[in-house]
Amino acid sequence: MSALVESFVRAFTEAAEKIPLACSVCGKVVAHVHPPAPSVALTCSQCREVTP
């Protein structure tokens, strides 16, 4: 029974992993999302204020 529990925990933790999304200008991590990651470029608030 413990092997079943271990496999469940492993599957749950792998599914819970999030992908970091970084700013396309400075590289700072803006957010973490569940896979699949969106295919849009993100900009952090500091770079957004500087870039017109």
N, C-alpha and C. Protein backbone atom coordinates (compact mmCIF):
# COMPACT_ATOMS: atom_id res chain seq x y z
N MET A 1 0.82 -1.20 0.00
CA MET A 1 0.00 0.00 0.00
C MET A 1 0.86 1.25 0.00
N SER A 2 2.02 1.23 0.62
CA SER A 2 2.88 2.41 0.67
C SER A 2 3.41 2.78 -0.72
N ALA A 3 3.59 1.78 -1.58
CA ALA A 3 4.04 2.07 -2.94
C ALA A 3 2.98 2.85 -3.69
N LEU A 4 1.72 2.54 -3.45
CA LEU A 4 0.62 3.27 -4.07
C LEU A 4 0.59 4.72 -3.58
N VAL A 5 0.78 4.91 -2.30
CA VAL A 5 0.81 6.26 -1.72
C VAL A 5 1.99 7.05 -2.28
N GLU A 6 3.15 6.42 -2.35
CA GLU A 6 4.33 7.10 -2.90
C GLU A 6 4.12 7.49 -4.35
N SER A 7 3.51 6.63 -5.15
CA SER A 7 3.28 6.97 -6.55
C SER A 7 2.28 8.11 -6.67
N PHE A 8 1.27 8.14 -5.79
CA PHE A 8 0.31 9.24 -5.80
C PHE A 8 0.98 10.56 -5.43
N VAL A 9 1.80 10.54 -4.39
CA VAL A 9 2.49 11.75 -3.94
C VAL A 9 3.43 12.26 -5.04
N ARG A 10 4.15 11.35 -5.70
CA ARG A 10 5.05 11.74 -6.77
C ARG A 10 4.28 12.36 -7.94
N ALA A 11 3.17 11.75 -8.33
CA ALA A 11 2.36 12.28 -9.43
C ALA A 11 1.76 13.63 -9.06
N PHE A 12 1.33 13.78 -7.81
CA PHE A 12 0.75 15.04 -7.36
C PHE A 12 1.78 16.16 -7.35
N THR A 13 2.98 15.89 -6.84
CA THR A 13 4.00 16.93 -6.78
C THR A 13 4.50 17.32 -8.17
N GLU A 14 4.59 16.36 -9.09
CA GLU A 14 5.00 16.70 -10.46
C GLU A 14 3.94 17.55 -11.13
N ALA A 15 2.67 17.26 -10.90
CA ALA A 15 1.59 18.03 -11.50
C ALA A 15 1.49 19.42 -10.88
N ALA A 16 1.93 19.55 -9.64
CA ALA A 16 1.83 20.82 -8.94
C ALA A 16 2.97 21.77 -9.29
N GLU A 17 4.01 21.27 -9.96
CA GLU A 17 5.13 22.13 -10.30
C GLU A 17 4.68 23.22 -11.26
N LYS A 18 5.18 24.41 -11.03
CA LYS A 18 4.81 25.55 -11.87
C LYS A 18 6.01 26.01 -12.67
N ILE A 19 5.74 26.62 -13.81
CA ILE A 19 6.78 27.12 -14.69
C ILE A 19 6.97 28.61 -14.41
N PRO A 20 8.20 29.05 -14.16
CA PRO A 20 8.42 30.48 -13.95
C PRO A 20 8.36 31.23 -15.28
N LEU A 21 7.68 32.38 -15.28
CA LEU A 21 7.64 33.24 -16.45
C LEU A 21 8.44 34.49 -16.15
N ALA A 22 9.40 34.80 -17.03
CA ALA A 22 10.30 35.93 -16.80
C ALA A 22 9.94 37.10 -17.69
N CYS A 23 10.33 38.29 -17.24
CA CYS A 23 10.15 39.51 -18.02
C CYS A 23 11.00 39.41 -19.28
N SER A 24 10.44 39.79 -20.42
CA SER A 24 11.17 39.70 -21.67
C SER A 24 12.23 40.79 -21.81
N VAL A 25 12.22 41.79 -20.93
CA VAL A 25 13.19 42.88 -21.00
C VAL A 25 14.36 42.66 -20.03
N CYS A 26 14.04 42.49 -18.73
CA CYS A 26 15.11 42.40 -17.72
C CYS A 26 15.37 40.97 -17.24
N GLY A 27 14.45 40.05 -17.49
CA GLY A 27 14.63 38.66 -17.07
C GLY A 27 14.13 38.34 -15.68
N LYS A 28 13.55 39.31 -14.97
CA LYS A 28 13.02 39.09 -13.62
C LYS A 28 11.80 38.17 -13.71
N VAL A 29 11.68 37.23 -12.77
CA VAL A 29 10.54 36.33 -12.76
C VAL A 29 9.28 37.12 -12.39
N VAL A 30 8.29 37.08 -13.27
CA VAL A 30 7.06 37.84 -13.09
C VAL A 30 5.98 37.00 -12.42
N ALA A 31 5.87 35.73 -12.82
CA ALA A 31 4.82 34.87 -12.29
C ALA A 31 5.21 33.41 -12.45
N HIS A 32 4.47 32.54 -11.80
CA HIS A 32 4.61 31.09 -11.94
C HIS A 32 3.26 30.54 -12.37
N VAL A 33 3.25 29.73 -13.42
CA VAL A 33 2.00 29.17 -13.93
C VAL A 33 2.12 27.66 -14.08
N HIS A 34 0.97 26.99 -14.09
CA HIS A 34 0.95 25.56 -14.36
C HIS A 34 1.15 25.35 -15.85
N PRO A 35 1.82 24.27 -16.24
CA PRO A 35 2.01 23.99 -17.66
C PRO A 35 0.68 23.72 -18.34
N PRO A 36 0.54 24.03 -19.59
CA PRO A 36 1.53 24.63 -20.48
C PRO A 36 1.59 26.15 -20.29
N ALA A 37 2.77 26.69 -20.46
CA ALA A 37 2.97 28.13 -20.29
C ALA A 37 2.40 28.87 -21.50
N PRO A 38 1.84 30.06 -21.30
CA PRO A 38 1.34 30.84 -22.43
C PRO A 38 2.48 31.28 -23.34
N SER A 39 2.18 31.47 -24.60
CA SER A 39 3.23 31.85 -25.56
C SER A 39 3.28 33.34 -25.79
N VAL A 40 3.01 34.14 -24.78
CA VAL A 40 3.05 35.60 -24.89
C VAL A 40 4.25 36.13 -24.11
N ALA A 41 4.80 37.23 -24.60
CA ALA A 41 5.92 37.87 -23.90
C ALA A 41 5.37 38.68 -22.73
N LEU A 42 6.01 38.56 -21.58
CA LEU A 42 5.59 39.31 -20.40
C LEU A 42 6.58 40.43 -20.11
N THR A 43 6.08 41.48 -19.52
CA THR A 43 6.92 42.60 -19.11
C THR A 43 6.58 42.93 -17.67
N CYS A 44 7.59 43.05 -16.82
CA CYS A 44 7.34 43.39 -15.42
C CYS A 44 6.89 44.84 -15.30
N SER A 45 6.36 45.20 -14.14
CA SER A 45 5.81 46.55 -13.95
C SER A 45 6.88 47.63 -14.07
N GLN A 46 8.11 47.34 -13.64
CA GLN A 46 9.17 48.36 -13.73
C GLN A 46 9.54 48.62 -15.18
N CYS A 47 9.71 47.57 -15.98
CA CYS A 47 10.06 47.74 -17.40
C CYS A 47 8.89 48.35 -18.18
N ARG A 48 7.67 48.04 -17.77
CA ARG A 48 6.49 48.58 -18.43
C ARG A 48 6.41 50.09 -18.25
N GLU A 49 6.84 50.61 -17.09
CA GLU A 49 6.83 52.04 -16.84
C GLU A 49 7.88 52.77 -17.65
N VAL A 50 9.02 52.13 -17.89
CA VAL A 50 10.12 52.73 -18.62
C VAL A 50 9.90 52.67 -20.13
N THR A 51 9.41 51.52 -20.60
CA THR A 51 9.21 51.31 -22.03
C THR A 51 7.90 51.96 -22.47
N PRO A 52 7.95 52.80 -23.50
CA PRO A 52 6.72 53.47 -23.97
C PRO A 52 5.74 52.51 -24.60
